[in-house]
C-alpha atoms as a PDB file:
ATOM      1  CA  MET A   1     -12.552   0.363 -10.860  1.00  0.00           C
ATOM      2  CA  LYS A   2     -10.900  -2.857 -11.892  1.00  0.00           C
ATOM      3  CA  GLN A   3      -7.887  -1.061 -13.293  1.00  0.00           C
ATOM      4  CA  SER A   4      -4.878  -0.543 -11.061  1.00  0.00           C
ATOM      5  CA  PHE A   5      -4.171   2.807  -9.450  1.00  0.00           C
ATOM      6  CA  GLY A   6      -1.222   3.306 -11.800  1.00  0.00           C
ATOM      7  CA  GLU A   7      -3.388   2.597 -14.837  1.00  0.00           C
ATOM      8  CA  TYR A   8      -5.928   5.072 -13.496  1.00  0.00           C
ATOM      9  CA  ILE A   9      -3.258   7.767 -13.202  1.00  0.00           C
ATOM     10  CA  ARG A  10      -2.246   7.133 -16.816  1.00  0.00           C
ATOM     11  CA  GLN A  11      -5.879   7.334 -17.929  1.00  0.00           C
ATOM     12  CA  LEU A  12      -6.377  10.647 -16.116  1.00  0.00           C
ATOM     13  CA  ARG A  13      -3.165  12.079 -17.529  1.00  0.00           C
ATOM     14  CA  GLU A  14      -3.990  11.027 -21.081  1.00  0.00           C
ATOM     15  CA  GLU A  15      -7.615  12.198 -20.884  1.00  0.00           C
ATOM     16  CA  ASN A  16      -6.316  15.589 -19.787  1.00  0.00           C
ATOM     17  CA  LYS A  17      -3.631  15.584 -22.493  1.00  0.00           C
ATOM     18  CA  MET A  18      -0.976  16.134 -19.852  1.00  0.00           C
ATOM     19  CA  PRO A  19       2.579  15.122 -20.719  1.00  0.00           C
ATOM     20  CA  LEU A  20       4.282  12.636 -18.428  1.00  0.00           C
ATOM     21  CA  ARG A  21       6.975  15.195 -17.588  1.00  0.00           C
ATOM     22  CA  LYS A  22       4.407  17.781 -16.453  1.00  0.00           C
ATOM     23  CA  LEU A  23       2.596  15.429 -14.049  1.00  0.00           C
ATOM     24  CA  ALA A  24       5.910  14.058 -12.788  1.00  0.00           C
ATOM     25  CA  ALA A  25       7.030  17.613 -12.036  1.00  0.00           C
ATOM     26  CA  ARG A  26       3.815  18.311 -10.104  1.00  0.00           C
ATOM     27  CA  LEU A  27       4.352  15.127  -8.107  1.00  0.00           C
ATOM     28  CA  ASP A  28       8.021  16.022  -7.602  1.00  0.00           C
ATOM     29  CA  ILE A  29       9.233  12.699  -9.004  1.00  0.00           C
ATOM     30  CA  ASP A  30      11.254  11.650 -12.042  1.00  0.00           C
ATOM     31  CA  GLN A  31       9.451  10.931 -15.292  1.00  0.00           C
ATOM     32  CA  SER A  32      10.826   7.400 -15.204  1.00  0.00           C
ATOM     33  CA  THR A  33       9.314   6.862 -11.750  1.00  0.00           C
ATOM     34  CA  LEU A  34       5.885   8.043 -12.901  1.00  0.00           C
ATOM     35  CA  SER A  35       6.156   5.863 -15.986  1.00  0.00           C
ATOM     36  CA  LYS A  36       6.895   2.841 -13.789  1.00  0.00           C
ATOM     37  CA  ILE A  37       3.920   3.677 -11.540  1.00  0.00           C
ATOM     38  CA  GLU A  38       1.653   3.857 -14.587  1.00  0.00           C
ATOM     39  CA  ARG A  39       2.971   0.463 -15.759  1.00  0.00           C
ATOM     40  CA  ASN A  40       2.563  -1.092 -12.282  1.00  0.00           C
ATOM     41  CA  GLU A  41       6.291  -1.595 -11.883  1.00  0.00           C
ATOM     42  CA  ARG A  42       6.324   0.742  -8.866  1.00  0.00           C
ATOM     43  CA  LYS A  43       3.694   1.728  -6.362  1.00  0.00           C
ATOM     44  CA  ALA A  44       2.288   5.191  -5.905  1.00  0.00           C
ATOM     45  CA  VAL A  45       2.664   6.738  -2.450  1.00  0.00           C
ATOM     46  CA  SER A  46      -0.039   8.372  -0.367  1.00  0.00           C
ATOM     47  CA  ASN A  47       1.411  11.888  -0.536  1.00  0.00           C
ATOM     48  CA  MET A  48       0.547  11.868  -4.256  1.00  0.00           C
ATOM     49  CA  ILE A  49      -3.181  11.674  -3.536  1.00  0.00           C
ATOM     50  CA  PRO A  50      -3.874  15.348  -2.699  1.00  0.00           C
ATOM     51  CA  ILE A  51      -1.758  16.504  -5.645  1.00  0.00           C
ATOM     52  CA  LEU A  52      -3.557  14.184  -8.058  1.00  0.00           C
ATOM     53  CA  ALA A  53      -6.953  15.193  -6.672  1.00  0.00           C
ATOM     54  CA  GLU A  54      -6.164  18.877  -7.116  1.00  0.00           C
ATOM     55  CA  THR A  55      -4.521  18.449 -10.522  1.00  0.00           C
ATOM     56  CA  PHE A  56      -7.430  16.523 -12.016  1.00  0.00           C
ATOM     57  CA  GLY A  57     -10.285  18.040  -9.988  1.00  0.00           C
ATOM     58  CA  LEU A  58     -11.128  14.780  -8.248  1.00  0.00           C
ATOM     59  CA  ASP A  59     -12.733  14.043  -4.912  1.00  0.00           C
ATOM     60  CA  TYR A  60      -9.907  13.386  -2.419  1.00  0.00           C
ATOM     61  CA  LYS A  61     -11.835  10.729  -0.484  1.00  0.00           C
ATOM     62  CA  LYS A  62     -12.719   8.704  -3.589  1.00  0.00           C
ATOM     63  CA  LEU A  63      -9.156   8.859  -4.848  1.00  0.00           C
ATOM     64  CA  LYS A  64      -7.757   7.844  -1.447  1.00  0.00           C
ATOM     65  CA  VAL A  65     -10.180   4.889  -1.273  1.00  0.00           C
ATOM     66  CA  ARG A  66      -9.098   3.803  -4.744  1.00  0.00           C
ATOM     67  CA  PHE A  67      -5.425   4.077  -3.752  1.00  0.00           C
ATOM     68  CA  LEU A  68      -5.822   2.158  -0.496  1.00  0.00           C
ATOM     69  CA  SER A  69      -7.982  -0.551  -2.038  1.00  0.00           C
ATOM     70  CA  ASP A  70      -5.317  -1.078  -4.693  1.00  0.00           C
ATOM     71  CA  ASN A  71      -2.711  -1.569  -1.959  1.00  0.00           C
ATOM     72  CA  ILE A  72      -4.934  -4.045  -0.129  1.00  0.00           C
ATOM     73  CA  VAL A  73      -5.632  -6.009  -3.293  1.00  0.00           C
ATOM     74  CA  ASN A  74      -1.938  -6.145  -4.178  1.00  0.00           C
ATOM     75  CA  TYR A  75      -1.102  -7.471  -0.725  1.00  0.00           C
ATOM     76  CA  LEU A  76      -3.969  -9.929  -0.301  1.00  0.00           C
ATOM     77  CA  SER A  77      -3.817 -11.321  -3.828  1.00  0.00           C
ATOM     78  CA  GLN A  78      -0.569 -13.033  -2.826  1.00  0.00           C
ATOM     79  CA  GLU A  79      -2.089 -14.617   0.286  1.00  0.00           C
ATOM     80  CA  ASP A  80      -4.312 -17.604   0.940  1.00  0.00           C
ATOM     81  CA  PHE A  81      -8.004 -16.936   1.658  1.00  0.00           C
ATOM     82  CA  PRO A  82      -8.102 -13.240   0.650  1.00  0.00           C
ATOM     83  CA  ILE A  83     -11.914 -12.948   0.700  1.00  0.00           C
ATOM     84  CA  GLU A  84     -12.139 -14.447   4.170  1.00  0.00           C
ATOM     85  CA  VAL A  85      -9.414 -12.119   5.404  1.00  0.00           C
ATOM     86  CA  LEU A  86     -11.328  -9.110   4.061  1.00  0.00           C
ATOM     87  CA  LYS A  87     -14.543 -10.219   5.758  1.00  0.00           C
ATOM     88  CA  VAL A  88     -12.835 -10.618   9.132  1.00  0.00           C
ATOM     89  CA  ALA A  89     -10.982  -7.322   8.692  1.00  0.00           C
ATOM     90  CA  GLU A  90     -14.269  -5.560   7.956  1.00  0.00           C
ATOM     91  CA  GLN A  91     -15.776  -6.949  11.158  1.00  0.00           C
ATOM     92  CA  LYS A  92     -12.749  -5.829  13.167  1.00  0.00           C
ATOM     93  CA  ILE A  93     -12.872  -2.336  11.685  1.00  0.00           C
ATOM     94  CA  GLU A  94     -16.584  -2.037  12.476  1.00  0.00           C
ATOM     95  CA  TYR A  95     -15.879  -3.151  16.045  1.00  0.00           C
ATOM     96  CA  LEU A  96     -13.024  -0.664  16.458  1.00  0.00           C
ATOM     97  CA  ILE A  97     -15.128   2.192  15.098  1.00  0.00           C
ATOM     98  CA  LYS A  98     -18.039   1.288  17.355  1.00  0.00           C
ATOM     99  CA  HIS A  99     -15.830   1.072  20.453  1.00  0.00           C
ATOM    100  CA  LYS A 100     -13.722   4.129  19.798  1.00  0.00           C
ATOM    101  CA  THR A 101     -13.491   6.364  22.824  1.00  0.00           C
END
């Protein structure tokens, strides 16, 4: 899971011998946009997740977690103290879940 989300999309597409144009059409984006996503020059968007899950027969939840974690890593990798931020965020999330009404 160390590869980026874009690299993962490329891997899935290539393993399934799917042309770039065909996956781009399913995602309703230009080939050039998909190519940039696969090269990490652009970011994927969340509405791609259900389409990718269906296209490649993947578990939606696992794919969504991979997508979101990639976004978090991209954001926090540019900040000071990323590990500490994640630990505090985890505590806050656990608190919010526990105290949800």
